[in-house]
């Protein structure tokens, strides 16, 4: 039986150490357009700019970055590296609701399977982004280590992607609204002084959907942990992530609270990468974990959070 490689894209936010630890065989690059108009390749390892410089420069909302999806030819180059050494491919991509990368990967896979008829490529739309995509790659690697086949692993991800949760807040929804990730009305709510919009993933489009708002950091921290307790499953068996954009101290505090109260197997602190960070901006603090299936339009999750916020 042939082996298969796991590939993601530049939205996966796994640095070199995490890519090696969790068996990500390769990743598809993309580009970021800087505020002065020049373009640079996304660097998951932050060797071209520090996170503090990147997110700090956005703080006044005058400097904007834009991400650009990779084209099919670039994707083919990455895929061919694995096909040429006899590997099938599982590619787990950024949500198709946010980017054309999933469609471009499907086009590349279709062409290459004609060129390599003995090989198989499965492209999975994660319906997630950033560190949630990272977590899906971790689970894919675990399944591969258990001896699951390419199809078994891809099928599991597609059947369970609605169980990958986000619990956290944004200080400001301006950047998400500018990138078309939220309505302008929702973004205005997110700029109110002291209001921390809280979100989880929408089942249908994979975008973040605001399901409540906490007033002040104290209530936000408590609401994140309580919401996680209400929706997580078997935390003692899980590696969970806590991610942030230019909010390291708050992320460390949240990680400590989760360790003390939720008791997962491990908590990994992570910085959101350049591709997703361009559309998120500074001010995100969130945890990502596996839990109960997310309901249609987050109806059940909204009720849970509203009860917590009371």
C-alpha atoms as a PDB file:
ATOM      1  CA  UNK A   1       0.000   0.000   0.000  1.00  0.00           C
ATOM      2  CA  UNK A   2       1.348   3.449  -0.883  1.00  0.00           C
ATOM      3  CA  UNK A   3       2.036   6.090   1.758  1.00  0.00           C
ATOM      4  CA  UNK A   4       0.486   9.507   1.647  1.00  0.00           C
ATOM      5  CA  UNK A   5       1.814  12.954   2.388  1.00  0.00           C
ATOM      6  CA  UNK A   6      -0.100  15.619   4.301  1.00  0.00           C
ATOM      7  CA  UNK A   7       0.029  19.084   2.766  1.00  0.00           C
ATOM      8  CA  UNK A   8      -1.695  22.291   3.834  1.00  0.00           C
ATOM      9  CA  UNK A   9      -1.419  25.921   2.781  1.00  0.00           C
ATOM     10  CA  UNK A  10       0.006  29.095   4.256  1.00  0.00           C
ATOM     11  CA  UNK A  11      -3.116  29.621   6.388  1.00  0.00           C
ATOM     12  CA  UNK A  12      -2.216  26.653   8.608  1.00  0.00           C
ATOM     13  CA  UNK A  13      -0.013  28.734  10.954  1.00  0.00           C
ATOM     14  CA  UNK A  14       2.348  25.894  11.866  1.00  0.00           C
ATOM     15  CA  UNK A  15       5.961  26.970  12.308  1.00  0.00           C
ATOM     16  CA  UNK A  16       8.896  24.711  11.451  1.00  0.00           C
ATOM     17  CA  UNK A  17       9.021  22.978  14.832  1.00  0.00           C
ATOM     18  CA  UNK A  18       5.288  22.263  14.779  1.00  0.00           C
ATOM     19  CA  UNK A  19       5.352  21.150  11.125  1.00  0.00           C
ATOM     20  CA  UNK A  20       8.058  18.642  11.959  1.00  0.00           C
ATOM     21  CA  UNK A  21       6.405  17.481  15.159  1.00  0.00           C
ATOM     22  CA  UNK A  22       2.997  16.954  13.566  1.00  0.00           C
ATOM     23  CA  UNK A  23       4.115  15.473  10.275  1.00  0.00           C
ATOM     24  CA  UNK A  24       3.148  18.219   7.830  1.00  0.00           C
ATOM     25  CA  UNK A  25       5.147  17.103   4.809  1.00  0.00           C
ATOM     26  CA  UNK A  26       4.870  20.364   2.895  1.00  0.00           C
ATOM     27  CA  UNK A  27       2.795  23.497   2.543  1.00  0.00           C
ATOM     28  CA  UNK A  28       1.604  25.642  -0.332  1.00  0.00           C
ATOM     29  CA  UNK A  29       2.959  29.153  -0.198  1.00  0.00           C
ATOM     30  CA  UNK A  30       1.175  32.382  -0.984  1.00  0.00           C
ATOM     31  CA  UNK A  31       1.978  36.066  -0.939  1.00  0.00           C
ATOM     32  CA  UNK A  32       1.176  39.042   1.222  1.00  0.00           C
ATOM     33  CA  UNK A  33       0.868  42.540  -0.199  1.00  0.00           C
ATOM     34  CA  UNK A  34       2.491  44.968   2.236  1.00  0.00           C
ATOM     35  CA  UNK A  35       1.116  48.468   2.934  1.00  0.00           C
ATOM     36  CA  UNK A  36       3.621  50.081   0.547  1.00  0.00           C
ATOM     37  CA  UNK A  37       2.469  47.832  -2.288  1.00  0.00           C
ATOM     38  CA  UNK A  38       5.374  45.385  -2.492  1.00  0.00           C
ATOM     39  CA  UNK A  39       4.705  41.641  -2.244  1.00  0.00           C
ATOM     40  CA  UNK A  40       6.508  39.037  -0.179  1.00  0.00           C
ATOM     41  CA  UNK A  41       6.094  35.298   0.173  1.00  0.00           C
ATOM     42  CA  UNK A  42       4.280  34.282   3.343  1.00  0.00           C
ATOM     43  CA  UNK A  43       6.810  33.030   5.880  1.00  0.00           C
ATOM     44  CA  UNK A  44       5.339  30.676   8.463  1.00  0.00           C
ATOM     45  CA  UNK A  45       8.565  31.026  10.462  1.00  0.00           C
ATOM     46  CA  UNK A  46       8.554  34.854  10.612  1.00  0.00           C
ATOM     47  CA  UNK A  47      12.110  35.287   9.366  1.00  0.00           C
ATOM     48  CA  UNK A  48      11.210  38.299   7.194  1.00  0.00           C
ATOM     49  CA  UNK A  49       9.390  40.336   9.856  1.00  0.00           C
ATOM     50  CA  UNK A  50       8.525  39.796  13.509  1.00  0.00           C
ATOM     51  CA  UNK A  51       4.913  39.290  14.624  1.00  0.00           C
ATOM     52  CA  UNK A  52       5.276  42.389  16.789  1.00  0.00           C
ATOM     53  CA  UNK A  53       6.276  44.495  13.782  1.00  0.00           C
ATOM     54  CA  UNK A  54       3.612  42.966  11.555  1.00  0.00           C
ATOM     55  CA  UNK A  55       0.613  43.277  13.852  1.00  0.00           C
ATOM     56  CA  UNK A  56       1.906  46.357  15.625  1.00  0.00           C
ATOM     57  CA  UNK A  57       2.017  48.257  12.343  1.00  0.00           C
ATOM     58  CA  UNK A  58      -1.740  47.645  11.932  1.00  0.00           C
ATOM     59  CA  UNK A  59      -2.673  49.058  15.316  1.00  0.00           C
ATOM     60  CA  UNK A  60      -3.660  52.488  13.999  1.00  0.00           C
ATOM     61  CA  UNK A  61      -5.641  50.911  11.090  1.00  0.00           C
ATOM     62  CA  UNK A  62      -3.691  53.026   8.603  1.00  0.00           C
ATOM     63  CA  UNK A  63      -1.406  50.231   7.380  1.00  0.00           C
ATOM     64  CA  UNK A  64      -3.193  47.410   5.581  1.00  0.00           C
ATOM     65  CA  UNK A  65      -1.944  44.042   4.374  1.00  0.00           C
ATOM     66  CA  UNK A  66      -3.657  41.792   1.836  1.00  0.00           C
ATOM     67  CA  UNK A  67      -3.236  38.078   1.209  1.00  0.00           C
ATOM     68  CA  UNK A  68      -3.201  36.505  -2.260  1.00  0.00           C
ATOM     69  CA  UNK A  69      -4.235  32.918  -3.006  1.00  0.00           C
ATOM     70  CA  UNK A  70      -1.700  30.657  -4.780  1.00  0.00           C
ATOM     71  CA  UNK A  71      -2.450  29.655  -8.359  1.00  0.00           C
ATOM     72  CA  UNK A  72      -2.822  26.080  -9.670  1.00  0.00           C
ATOM     73  CA  UNK A  73       0.677  26.015 -11.218  1.00  0.00           C
ATOM     74  CA  UNK A  74       2.375  26.780  -7.899  1.00  0.00           C
ATOM     75  CA  UNK A  75       0.227  24.126  -6.240  1.00  0.00           C
ATOM     76  CA  UNK A  76       1.232  21.588  -8.895  1.00  0.00           C
ATOM     77  CA  UNK A  77       4.894  22.259  -8.126  1.00  0.00           C
ATOM     78  CA  UNK A  78       4.337  21.411  -4.456  1.00  0.00           C
ATOM     79  CA  UNK A  79       2.235  18.337  -5.268  1.00  0.00           C
ATOM     80  CA  UNK A  80       4.748  16.981  -7.787  1.00  0.00           C
ATOM     81  CA  UNK A  81       7.464  16.778  -5.125  1.00  0.00           C
ATOM     82  CA  UNK A  82       5.426  14.114  -3.347  1.00  0.00           C
ATOM     83  CA  UNK A  83       4.059  12.375  -6.431  1.00  0.00           C
ATOM     84  CA  UNK A  84       7.558  11.982  -7.858  1.00  0.00           C
ATOM     85  CA  UNK A  85       8.700  10.024  -4.816  1.00  0.00           C
ATOM     86  CA  UNK A  86       5.670   7.741  -4.898  1.00  0.00           C
ATOM     87  CA  UNK A  87       3.421   9.401  -2.308  1.00  0.00           C
ATOM     88  CA  UNK A  88      -0.302   9.948  -2.584  1.00  0.00           C
ATOM     89  CA  UNK A  89      -1.466  13.304  -1.209  1.00  0.00           C
ATOM     90  CA  UNK A  90      -3.924  14.548   1.374  1.00  0.00           C
ATOM     91  CA  UNK A  91      -4.243  18.319   1.048  1.00  0.00           C
ATOM     92  CA  UNK A  92      -6.181  20.138   3.776  1.00  0.00           C
ATOM     93  CA  UNK A  93      -6.954  23.708   2.758  1.00  0.00           C
ATOM     94  CA  UNK A  94      -8.204  26.999   4.092  1.00  0.00           C
ATOM     95  CA  UNK A  95     -12.007  27.337   3.994  1.00  0.00           C
ATOM     96  CA  UNK A  96     -13.388  27.708   0.492  1.00  0.00           C
ATOM     97  CA  UNK A  97     -15.650  30.442   1.872  1.00  0.00           C
ATOM     98  CA  UNK A  98     -12.610  32.652   2.424  1.00  0.00           C
ATOM     99  CA  UNK A  99     -10.242  31.907  -0.422  1.00  0.00           C
ATOM    100  CA  UNK A 100      -9.881  30.348  -3.864  1.00  0.00           C
ATOM    101  CA  UNK A 101      -7.075  28.058  -2.650  1.00  0.00           C
ATOM    102  CA  UNK A 102      -9.417  25.035  -2.291  1.00  0.00           C
ATOM    103  CA  UNK A 103     -10.709  25.422  -5.852  1.00  0.00           C
ATOM    104  CA  UNK A 104      -7.173  25.911  -7.160  1.00  0.00           C
ATOM    105  CA  UNK A 105      -5.996  22.769  -5.351  1.00  0.00           C
ATOM    106  CA  UNK A 106      -8.865  20.780  -6.875  1.00  0.00           C
ATOM    107  CA  UNK A 107      -7.909  22.000 -10.349  1.00  0.00           C
ATOM    108  CA  UNK A 108      -4.269  21.100  -9.760  1.00  0.00           C
ATOM    109  CA  UNK A 109      -5.216  17.666  -8.399  1.00  0.00           C
ATOM    110  CA  UNK A 110      -7.464  16.919 -11.386  1.00  0.00           C
ATOM    111  CA  UNK A 111      -4.691  17.727 -13.865  1.00  0.00           C
ATOM    112  CA  UNK A 112      -1.996  15.847 -11.974  1.00  0.00           C
ATOM    113  CA  UNK A 113      -4.030  12.673 -11.561  1.00  0.00           C
ATOM    114  CA  UNK A 114      -4.166  12.487 -15.339  1.00  0.00           C
ATOM    115  CA  UNK A 115      -0.394  12.889 -15.402  1.00  0.00           C
ATOM    116  CA  UNK A 116       0.137  10.402 -12.549  1.00  0.00           C
ATOM    117  CA  UNK A 117      -2.712   7.879 -13.007  1.00  0.00           C
ATOM    118  CA  UNK A 118      -1.223   5.527 -10.411  1.00  0.00           C
ATOM    119  CA  UNK A 119      -1.380   8.189  -7.680  1.00  0.00           C
ATOM    120  CA  UNK A 120      -4.307   9.610  -5.700  1.00  0.00           C
ATOM    121  CA  UNK A 121      -4.876  13.143  -4.399  1.00  0.00           C
ATOM    122  CA  UNK A 122      -7.639  14.073  -1.960  1.00  0.00           C
ATOM    123  CA  UNK A 123      -8.319  17.749  -1.301  1.00  0.00           C
ATOM    124  CA  UNK A 124     -10.285  18.478   1.876  1.00  0.00           C
ATOM    125  CA  UNK A 125     -11.985  21.829   2.409  1.00  0.00           C
ATOM    126  CA  UNK A 126     -11.385  22.379   6.124  1.00  0.00           C
ATOM    127  CA  UNK A 127     -14.207  24.935   6.433  1.00  0.00           C
ATOM    128  CA  UNK A 128     -11.788  26.471   8.909  1.00  0.00           C
ATOM    129  CA  UNK A 129      -8.830  28.852   8.919  1.00  0.00           C
ATOM    130  CA  UNK A 130      -5.714  29.723  10.885  1.00  0.00           C
ATOM    131  CA  UNK A 131      -5.087  27.648  14.011  1.00  0.00           C
ATOM    132  CA  UNK A 132      -8.259  25.577  13.520  1.00  0.00           C
ATOM    133  CA  UNK A 133      -6.708  24.428  10.240  1.00  0.00           C
ATOM    134  CA  UNK A 134      -3.522  23.658  12.192  1.00  0.00           C
ATOM    135  CA  UNK A 135      -5.493  21.438  14.552  1.00  0.00           C
ATOM    136  CA  UNK A 136      -7.103  19.542  11.676  1.00  0.00           C
ATOM    137  CA  UNK A 137      -3.638  18.793  10.304  1.00  0.00           C
ATOM    138  CA  UNK A 138      -2.630  17.459  13.727  1.00  0.00           C
ATOM    139  CA  UNK A 139      -5.598  15.081  13.699  1.00  0.00           C
ATOM    140  CA  UNK A 140      -4.807  13.998  10.135  1.00  0.00           C
ATOM    141  CA  UNK A 141      -1.281  13.075  11.216  1.00  0.00           C
ATOM    142  CA  UNK A 142      -2.608  11.133  14.214  1.00  0.00           C
ATOM    143  CA  UNK A 143      -4.898   9.112  11.941  1.00  0.00           C
ATOM    144  CA  UNK A 144      -2.038   8.414   9.548  1.00  0.00           C
ATOM    145  CA  UNK A 145       0.136   7.198  12.432  1.00  0.00           C
ATOM    146  CA  UNK A 146      -2.700   4.884  13.481  1.00  0.00           C
ATOM    147  CA  UNK A 147      -2.467   3.260  10.050  1.00  0.00           C
ATOM    148  CA  UNK A 148      -5.516   4.875   8.468  1.00  0.00           C
ATOM    149  CA  UNK A 149      -5.462   5.086   4.674  1.00  0.00           C
ATOM    150  CA  UNK A 150      -5.633   8.291   2.674  1.00  0.00           C
ATOM    151  CA  UNK A 151      -9.348   7.865   2.026  1.00  0.00           C
ATOM    152  CA  UNK A 152     -10.100   6.914   5.618  1.00  0.00           C
ATOM    153  CA  UNK A 153      -8.279   9.997   6.879  1.00  0.00           C
ATOM    154  CA  UNK A 154      -9.879  12.362   4.364  1.00  0.00           C
ATOM    155  CA  UNK A 155     -13.341  10.920   5.021  1.00  0.00           C
ATOM    156  CA  UNK A 156     -12.892  11.357   8.785  1.00  0.00           C
ATOM    157  CA  UNK A 157     -11.854  14.994   8.387  1.00  0.00           C
ATOM    158  CA  UNK A 158     -14.838  15.759   6.187  1.00  0.00           C
ATOM    159  CA  UNK A 159     -17.216  13.982   8.573  1.00  0.00           C
ATOM    160  CA  UNK A 160     -15.834  15.715  11.676  1.00  0.00           C
ATOM    161  CA  UNK A 161     -14.758  19.173  10.561  1.00  0.00           C
ATOM    162  CA  UNK A 162     -17.884  20.621  12.209  1.00  0.00           C
ATOM    163  CA  UNK A 163     -16.448  19.522  15.576  1.00  0.00           C
ATOM    164  CA  UNK A 164     -13.420  21.823  15.470  1.00  0.00           C
ATOM    165  CA  UNK A 165     -14.304  24.802  17.648  1.00  0.00           C
ATOM    166  CA  UNK A 166     -13.049  28.281  18.315  1.00  0.00           C
ATOM    167  CA  UNK A 167     -13.620  30.002  21.640  1.00  0.00           C
ATOM    168  CA  UNK A 168     -12.239  33.491  22.003  1.00  0.00           C
ATOM    169  CA  UNK A 169     -12.638  37.167  21.323  1.00  0.00           C
ATOM    170  CA  UNK A 170     -11.500  40.002  19.113  1.00  0.00           C
ATOM    171  CA  UNK A 171     -10.693  43.459  20.417  1.00  0.00           C
ATOM    172  CA  UNK A 172     -11.791  44.929  17.100  1.00  0.00           C
ATOM    173  CA  UNK A 173     -13.641  43.478  14.093  1.00  0.00           C
ATOM    174  CA  UNK A 174     -12.460  46.189  11.698  1.00  0.00           C
ATOM    175  CA  UNK A 175     -10.024  44.004   9.748  1.00  0.00           C
ATOM    176  CA  UNK A 176     -12.414  41.065   9.420  1.00  0.00           C
ATOM    177  CA  UNK A 177     -15.105  43.399   8.084  1.00  0.00           C
ATOM    178  CA  UNK A 178     -12.701  45.029   5.636  1.00  0.00           C
ATOM    179  CA  UNK A 179     -11.799  41.594   4.284  1.00  0.00           C
ATOM    180  CA  UNK A 180     -15.474  40.713   3.830  1.00  0.00           C
ATOM    181  CA  UNK A 181     -15.516  38.212   6.686  1.00  0.00           C
ATOM    182  CA  UNK A 182     -18.260  40.053   8.619  1.00  0.00           C
ATOM    183  CA  UNK A 183     -20.978  42.605   7.968  1.00  0.00           C
ATOM    184  CA  UNK A 184     -20.187  46.263   8.612  1.00  0.00           C
ATOM    185  CA  UNK A 185     -22.964  46.392  11.204  1.00  0.00           C
ATOM    186  CA  UNK A 186     -21.336  43.575  13.149  1.00  0.00           C
ATOM    187  CA  UNK A 187     -17.991  45.351  12.899  1.00  0.00           C
ATOM    188  CA  UNK A 188     -19.428  48.530  14.418  1.00  0.00           C
ATOM    189  CA  UNK A 189     -20.580  46.485  17.410  1.00  0.00           C
ATOM    190  CA  UNK A 190     -17.035  45.187  17.710  1.00  0.00           C
ATOM    191  CA  UNK A 191     -15.520  48.657  18.040  1.00  0.00           C
ATOM    192  CA  UNK A 192     -17.641  49.650  21.051  1.00  0.00           C
ATOM    193  CA  UNK A 193     -15.429  50.446  24.020  1.00  0.00           C
ATOM    194  CA  UNK A 194     -15.024  47.504  26.339  1.00  0.00           C
ATOM    195  CA  UNK A 195     -17.041  45.072  24.186  1.00  0.00           C
ATOM    196  CA  UNK A 196     -15.314  41.815  23.259  1.00  0.00           C
ATOM    197  CA  UNK A 197     -17.145  40.044  20.391  1.00  0.00           C
ATOM    198  CA  UNK A 198     -16.973  36.265  20.796  1.00  0.00           C
ATOM    199  CA  UNK A 199     -17.337  33.780  17.954  1.00  0.00           C
ATOM    200  CA  UNK A 200     -17.321  30.175  16.842  1.00  0.00           C
ATOM    201  CA  UNK A 201     -17.274  28.675  13.341  1.00  0.00           C
ATOM    202  CA  UNK A 202     -20.381  28.668  11.170  1.00  0.00           C
ATOM    203  CA  UNK A 203     -21.194  25.156  10.014  1.00  0.00           C
ATOM    204  CA  UNK A 204     -21.986  26.120   6.416  1.00  0.00           C
ATOM    205  CA  UNK A 205     -19.365  28.647   5.325  1.00  0.00           C
ATOM    206  CA  UNK A 206     -16.572  28.051   7.819  1.00  0.00           C
ATOM    207  CA  UNK A 207     -16.356  31.730   8.726  1.00  0.00           C
ATOM    208  CA  UNK A 208     -16.357  33.031  12.273  1.00  0.00           C
ATOM    209  CA  UNK A 209     -19.821  33.992  13.471  1.00  0.00           C
ATOM    210  CA  UNK A 210     -20.269  36.302  16.438  1.00  0.00           C
ATOM    211  CA  UNK A 211     -22.538  34.594  18.975  1.00  0.00           C
ATOM    212  CA  UNK A 212     -22.164  36.941  21.924  1.00  0.00           C
ATOM    213  CA  UNK A 213     -20.200  39.770  23.440  1.00  0.00           C
ATOM    214  CA  UNK A 214     -18.484  40.094  26.778  1.00  0.00           C
ATOM    215  CA  UNK A 215     -17.916  43.419  28.480  1.00  0.00           C
ATOM    216  CA  UNK A 216     -14.334  43.701  29.624  1.00  0.00           C
ATOM    217  CA  UNK A 217     -11.446  41.274  29.725  1.00  0.00           C
ATOM    218  CA  UNK A 218     -12.384  39.638  33.025  1.00  0.00           C
ATOM    219  CA  UNK A 219     -15.734  38.473  31.672  1.00  0.00           C
ATOM    220  CA  UNK A 220     -14.156  37.553  28.325  1.00  0.00           C
ATOM    221  CA  UNK A 221     -11.602  35.224  29.924  1.00  0.00           C
ATOM    222  CA  UNK A 222     -14.271  33.560  32.046  1.00  0.00           C
ATOM    223  CA  UNK A 223     -16.695  33.202  29.128  1.00  0.00           C
ATOM    224  CA  UNK A 224     -14.073  31.546  26.904  1.00  0.00           C
ATOM    225  CA  UNK A 225     -13.257  28.925  29.513  1.00  0.00           C
ATOM    226  CA  UNK A 226     -16.883  28.214  30.415  1.00  0.00           C
ATOM    227  CA  UNK A 227     -17.897  27.966  26.757  1.00  0.00           C
ATOM    228  CA  UNK A 228     -15.032  25.574  26.149  1.00  0.00           C
ATOM    229  CA  UNK A 229     -16.119  23.443  29.118  1.00  0.00           C
ATOM    230  CA  UNK A 230     -19.648  23.288  27.691  1.00  0.00           C
ATOM    231  CA  UNK A 231     -18.618  22.239  24.181  1.00  0.00           C
ATOM    232  CA  UNK A 232     -15.331  20.299  24.433  1.00  0.00           C
ATOM    233  CA  UNK A 233     -15.242  16.492  24.434  1.00  0.00           C
ATOM    234  CA  UNK A 234     -12.650  14.386  26.276  1.00  0.00           C
ATOM    235  CA  UNK A 235     -10.185  17.242  26.846  1.00  0.00           C
ATOM    236  CA  UNK A 236      -7.848  14.930  28.760  1.00  0.00           C
ATOM    237  CA  UNK A 237      -7.041  13.206  25.463  1.00  0.00           C
ATOM    238  CA  UNK A 238      -6.562  16.388  23.452  1.00  0.00           C
ATOM    239  CA  UNK A 239      -3.873  18.770  22.357  1.00  0.00           C
ATOM    240  CA  UNK A 240      -5.506  22.188  22.171  1.00  0.00           C
ATOM    241  CA  UNK A 241      -4.145  25.432  20.764  1.00  0.00           C
ATOM    242  CA  UNK A 242      -4.343  28.981  22.074  1.00  0.00           C
ATOM    243  CA  UNK A 243      -3.635  31.521  19.345  1.00  0.00           C
ATOM    244  CA  UNK A 244      -3.273  35.277  19.318  1.00  0.00           C
ATOM    245  CA  UNK A 245      -2.437  38.283  17.199  1.00  0.00           C
ATOM    246  CA  UNK A 246      -0.230  40.673  19.162  1.00  0.00           C
ATOM    247  CA  UNK A 247      -1.756  39.634  22.497  1.00  0.00           C
ATOM    248  CA  UNK A 248       0.839  37.245  23.930  1.00  0.00           C
ATOM    249  CA  UNK A 249       0.305  38.016  27.624  1.00  0.00           C
ATOM    250  CA  UNK A 250      -3.456  37.529  27.345  1.00  0.00           C
ATOM    251  CA  UNK A 251      -2.960  34.303  25.389  1.00  0.00           C
ATOM    252  CA  UNK A 252      -0.596  32.988  28.070  1.00  0.00           C
ATOM    253  CA  UNK A 253      -3.148  33.805  30.763  1.00  0.00           C
ATOM    254  CA  UNK A 254      -5.896  32.004  28.839  1.00  0.00           C
ATOM    255  CA  UNK A 255      -3.643  28.995  28.287  1.00  0.00           C
ATOM    256  CA  UNK A 256      -2.957  28.801  32.040  1.00  0.00           C
ATOM    257  CA  UNK A 257      -6.679  28.981  32.842  1.00  0.00           C
ATOM    258  CA  UNK A 258      -7.395  26.169  30.387  1.00  0.00           C
ATOM    259  CA  UNK A 259      -4.647  24.002  31.885  1.00  0.00           C
ATOM    260  CA  UNK A 260      -5.992  24.558  35.399  1.00  0.00           C
ATOM    261  CA  UNK A 261      -9.723  24.208  34.675  1.00  0.00           C
ATOM    262  CA  UNK A 262     -10.186  22.123  31.513  1.00  0.00           C
ATOM    263  CA  UNK A 263      -7.145  19.826  31.927  1.00  0.00           C
ATOM    264  CA  UNK A 264      -6.278  18.976  28.318  1.00  0.00           C
ATOM    265  CA  UNK A 265      -3.346  16.719  27.550  1.00  0.00           C
ATOM    266  CA  UNK A 266      -1.374  19.722  26.267  1.00  0.00           C
ATOM    267  CA  UNK A 267      -1.885  23.388  25.434  1.00  0.00           C
ATOM    268  CA  UNK A 268       0.202  24.862  22.620  1.00  0.00           C
ATOM    269  CA  UNK A 269       0.559  28.640  22.361  1.00  0.00           C
ATOM    270  CA  UNK A 270       0.582  29.810  18.757  1.00  0.00           C
ATOM    271  CA  UNK A 271       0.884  33.074  16.846  1.00  0.00           C
ATOM    272  CA  UNK A 272      -1.503  33.546  13.931  1.00  0.00           C
ATOM    273  CA  UNK A 273       0.475  33.617  10.685  1.00  0.00           C
ATOM    274  CA  UNK A 274       0.888  36.321   8.083  1.00  0.00           C
ATOM    275  CA  UNK A 275      -1.745  35.091   5.615  1.00  0.00           C
ATOM    276  CA  UNK A 276      -4.657  34.910   8.057  1.00  0.00           C
ATOM    277  CA  UNK A 277      -3.238  37.714  10.170  1.00  0.00           C
ATOM    278  CA  UNK A 278      -3.619  40.141   7.281  1.00  0.00           C
ATOM    279  CA  UNK A 279      -7.386  39.663   7.502  1.00  0.00           C
ATOM    280  CA  UNK A 280      -7.684  39.272  11.281  1.00  0.00           C
ATOM    281  CA  UNK A 281      -5.502  42.145  12.461  1.00  0.00           C
ATOM    282  CA  UNK A 282      -4.290  42.646  16.040  1.00  0.00           C
ATOM    283  CA  UNK A 283      -6.462  41.733  19.012  1.00  0.00           C
ATOM    284  CA  UNK A 284      -7.426  38.067  18.639  1.00  0.00           C
ATOM    285  CA  UNK A 285      -7.170  35.676  21.592  1.00  0.00           C
ATOM    286  CA  UNK A 286      -8.787  32.270  21.070  1.00  0.00           C
ATOM    287  CA  UNK A 287      -8.532  28.588  21.831  1.00  0.00           C
ATOM    288  CA  UNK A 288      -9.102  25.798  19.288  1.00  0.00           C
ATOM    289  CA  UNK A 289     -10.234  22.307  20.234  1.00  0.00           C
ATOM    290  CA  UNK A 290     -12.343  19.262  19.291  1.00  0.00           C
ATOM    291  CA  UNK A 291     -15.857  19.127  20.672  1.00  0.00           C
ATOM    292  CA  UNK A 292     -19.539  18.508  20.090  1.00  0.00           C
ATOM    293  CA  UNK A 293     -20.843  18.990  16.526  1.00  0.00           C
ATOM    294  CA  UNK A 294     -21.672  22.621  15.798  1.00  0.00           C
ATOM    295  CA  UNK A 295     -25.374  23.254  15.225  1.00  0.00           C
ATOM    296  CA  UNK A 296     -26.994  24.921  12.233  1.00  0.00           C
ATOM    297  CA  UNK A 297     -26.455  28.698  12.459  1.00  0.00           C
ATOM    298  CA  UNK A 298     -24.815  28.087  15.849  1.00  0.00           C
ATOM    299  CA  UNK A 299     -28.238  28.105  17.501  1.00  0.00           C
ATOM    300  CA  UNK A 300     -27.248  25.785  20.348  1.00  0.00           C
ATOM    301  CA  UNK A 301     -23.856  27.454  20.837  1.00  0.00           C
ATOM    302  CA  UNK A 302     -25.425  30.919  20.967  1.00  0.00           C
ATOM    303  CA  UNK A 303     -27.765  29.788  23.752  1.00  0.00           C
ATOM    304  CA  UNK A 304     -24.849  28.293  25.682  1.00  0.00           C
ATOM    305  CA  UNK A 305     -22.807  31.477  25.456  1.00  0.00           C
ATOM    306  CA  UNK A 306     -25.719  33.777  26.255  1.00  0.00           C
ATOM    307  CA  UNK A 307     -26.407  31.764  29.403  1.00  0.00           C
ATOM    308  CA  UNK A 308     -22.743  32.035  30.378  1.00  0.00           C
ATOM    309  CA  UNK A 309     -22.674  35.787  29.760  1.00  0.00           C
ATOM    310  CA  UNK A 310     -25.649  36.326  32.072  1.00  0.00           C
END
